[in-house]
């Protein structure tokens, strides 16, 4: 039986890069009003858009909320994000920034009125926020 050097290891898979924006953070907050603006730092994706989804901390169902608007200084905002219902003061929630195609963003932008629940997010999660507690205040809507 011939002996020789062991065969080389198989090539490592090419690392996959997360979709742009690579850096994305939520401004640290511990509470939010029922209707509030969210903000943070990050860069706009080269293609597609970023949308904000919200869920009850104890649940797995997400609700589409608002698009993310990127500023020229690596900041972002999402205005008039509704978190929970009228009786959800004191409840914990979590947000997800999700990279989606332009077509998906356009479709979701047409949803108005009642909440739009989804068990699976329609894109790639870029970042989830820490849990926040909803205040009893209605907020800015």
Protein backbone atom coordinates (compact mmCIF):
# COMPACT_ATOMS: atom_id res chain seq x y z
CA UNK A 1 0.00 0.00 0.00
CA UNK A 2 1.56 3.28 -1.01
CA UNK A 3 2.04 5.85 1.66
CA UNK A 4 2.35 9.48 0.91
CA UNK A 5 1.15 12.78 2.08
CA UNK A 6 -2.54 12.99 2.85
CA UNK A 7 -4.69 14.61 0.21
CA UNK A 8 -5.24 18.35 0.63
CA UNK A 9 -8.37 19.35 2.53
CA UNK A 10 -11.37 20.26 0.41
CA UNK A 11 -11.59 23.95 -0.40
CA UNK A 12 -13.47 26.03 2.12
CA UNK A 13 -16.80 27.25 0.90
CA UNK A 14 -16.76 30.84 -0.26
CA UNK A 15 -18.00 32.94 2.62
CA UNK A 16 -21.34 34.52 1.95
CA UNK A 17 -21.67 38.17 2.70
CA UNK A 18 -24.75 39.54 4.32
CA UNK A 19 -26.72 41.80 2.05
CA UNK A 20 -26.04 45.51 2.21
CA UNK A 21 -26.30 47.37 4.44
CA UNK A 22 -23.62 45.42 6.24
CA UNK A 23 -23.61 47.76 9.23
CA UNK A 24 -27.05 48.47 10.65
CA UNK A 25 -27.96 49.38 14.20
CA UNK A 26 -31.04 50.50 16.07
CA UNK A 27 -30.64 53.46 18.41
CA UNK A 28 -30.73 52.06 21.93
CA UNK A 29 -34.13 52.48 23.55
CA UNK A 30 -35.88 50.69 26.35
CA UNK A 31 -39.40 52.04 25.71
CA UNK A 32 -41.50 53.14 22.72
CA UNK A 33 -44.91 54.76 22.37
CA UNK A 34 -47.67 52.97 20.46
CA UNK A 35 -46.80 55.09 17.42
CA UNK A 36 -43.20 56.25 17.37
CA UNK A 37 -40.27 56.97 15.08
CA UNK A 38 -37.36 54.54 15.02
CA UNK A 39 -33.83 55.51 14.05
CA UNK A 40 -30.30 54.22 13.88
CA UNK A 41 -27.17 54.02 11.77
CA UNK A 42 -26.55 52.07 8.59
CA UNK A 43 -26.04 52.24 4.86
CA UNK A 44 -28.64 51.80 2.14
CA UNK A 45 -28.44 48.54 0.20
CA UNK A 46 -27.12 48.66 -3.37
CA UNK A 47 -30.36 47.04 -4.54
CA UNK A 48 -33.74 46.63 -2.94
CA UNK A 49 -34.96 48.32 0.21
CA UNK A 50 -35.11 47.85 3.96
CA UNK A 51 -38.41 47.50 5.82
CA UNK A 52 -39.23 47.44 9.53
CA UNK A 53 -41.28 44.58 10.99
CA UNK A 54 -42.44 44.29 14.60
CA UNK A 55 -43.46 41.34 16.76
CA UNK A 56 -44.48 40.65 20.32
CA UNK A 57 -41.36 39.46 22.14
CA UNK A 58 -43.17 36.25 23.18
CA UNK A 59 -44.47 35.49 19.66
CA UNK A 60 -43.05 34.42 16.30
CA UNK A 61 -45.47 36.31 14.04
CA UNK A 62 -44.11 39.52 12.50
CA UNK A 63 -46.13 42.52 11.33
CA UNK A 64 -45.00 44.77 8.48
CA UNK A 65 -44.73 48.38 9.63
CA UNK A 66 -42.79 50.97 7.64
CA UNK A 67 -39.91 51.45 5.20
CA UNK A 68 -36.50 52.67 6.27
CA UNK A 69 -35.34 56.01 4.86
CA UNK A 70 -31.56 56.42 4.72
CA UNK A 71 -29.86 59.78 5.25
CA UNK A 72 -26.61 60.96 3.65
CA UNK A 73 -24.75 60.68 6.96
CA UNK A 74 -25.16 56.91 7.47
CA UNK A 75 -28.31 57.37 9.55
CA UNK A 76 -31.76 55.97 8.97
CA UNK A 77 -35.31 56.63 10.19
CA UNK A 78 -38.60 54.80 10.01
CA UNK A 79 -41.53 57.09 10.77
CA UNK A 80 -44.83 56.38 12.47
CA UNK A 81 -44.08 52.76 13.40
CA UNK A 82 -47.10 51.29 15.19
CA UNK A 83 -46.19 48.89 17.99
CA UNK A 84 -49.02 46.77 19.32
CA UNK A 85 -52.63 47.63 20.01
CA UNK A 86 -54.37 49.99 22.39
CA UNK A 87 -54.13 47.58 25.34
CA UNK A 88 -50.48 46.56 24.90
CA UNK A 89 -48.86 49.08 27.25
CA UNK A 90 -46.21 47.30 29.33
CA UNK A 91 -45.73 44.56 26.70
CA UNK A 92 -42.30 43.73 25.24
CA UNK A 93 -41.72 43.94 21.49
CA UNK A 94 -38.85 43.44 19.06
CA UNK A 95 -38.16 45.01 15.64
CA UNK A 96 -36.45 43.55 12.59
CA UNK A 97 -34.83 45.44 9.73
CA UNK A 98 -35.36 43.27 6.66
CA UNK A 99 -33.71 43.66 3.23
CA UNK A 100 -36.30 43.02 0.51
CA UNK A 101 -36.58 43.40 -3.24
CA UNK A 102 -38.09 46.56 -4.71
CA UNK A 103 -41.09 44.49 -5.86
CA UNK A 104 -41.74 43.17 -2.34
CA UNK A 105 -41.41 46.68 -0.88
CA UNK A 106 -43.86 48.04 -3.47
CA UNK A 107 -46.38 45.28 -2.71
CA UNK A 108 -46.18 45.81 1.05
CA UNK A 109 -46.44 49.61 0.68
CA UNK A 110 -49.98 49.13 -0.65
CA UNK A 111 -51.13 47.54 2.61
CA UNK A 112 -53.00 50.10 4.63
CA UNK A 113 -55.33 49.84 7.58
CA UNK A 114 -55.32 46.53 9.38
CA UNK A 115 -52.09 44.79 10.48
CA UNK A 116 -50.38 42.42 8.06
CA UNK A 117 -49.10 39.38 10.00
CA UNK A 118 -46.55 36.97 8.57
CA UNK A 119 -44.87 33.94 10.14
CA UNK A 120 -41.87 34.22 7.81
CA UNK A 121 -40.17 37.45 6.83
CA UNK A 122 -40.11 38.21 3.09
CA UNK A 123 -36.38 38.88 2.88
CA UNK A 124 -33.14 38.76 4.83
CA UNK A 125 -32.99 39.96 8.42
CA UNK A 126 -30.22 42.53 8.66
CA UNK A 127 -30.62 43.26 12.36
CA UNK A 128 -33.08 42.69 15.19
CA UNK A 129 -33.49 45.22 17.97
CA UNK A 130 -33.19 44.49 21.62
CA UNK A 131 -36.55 44.01 23.34
CA UNK A 132 -38.39 47.27 24.08
CA UNK A 133 -41.37 47.88 26.35
CA UNK A 134 -44.40 49.65 24.91
CA UNK A 135 -45.57 52.61 26.95
CA UNK A 136 -49.24 53.40 27.50
CA UNK A 137 -48.86 56.61 25.43
CA UNK A 138 -50.46 56.76 21.98
CA UNK A 139 -47.52 58.61 20.46
CA UNK A 140 -47.35 60.63 17.26
CA UNK A 141 -49.95 59.06 14.94
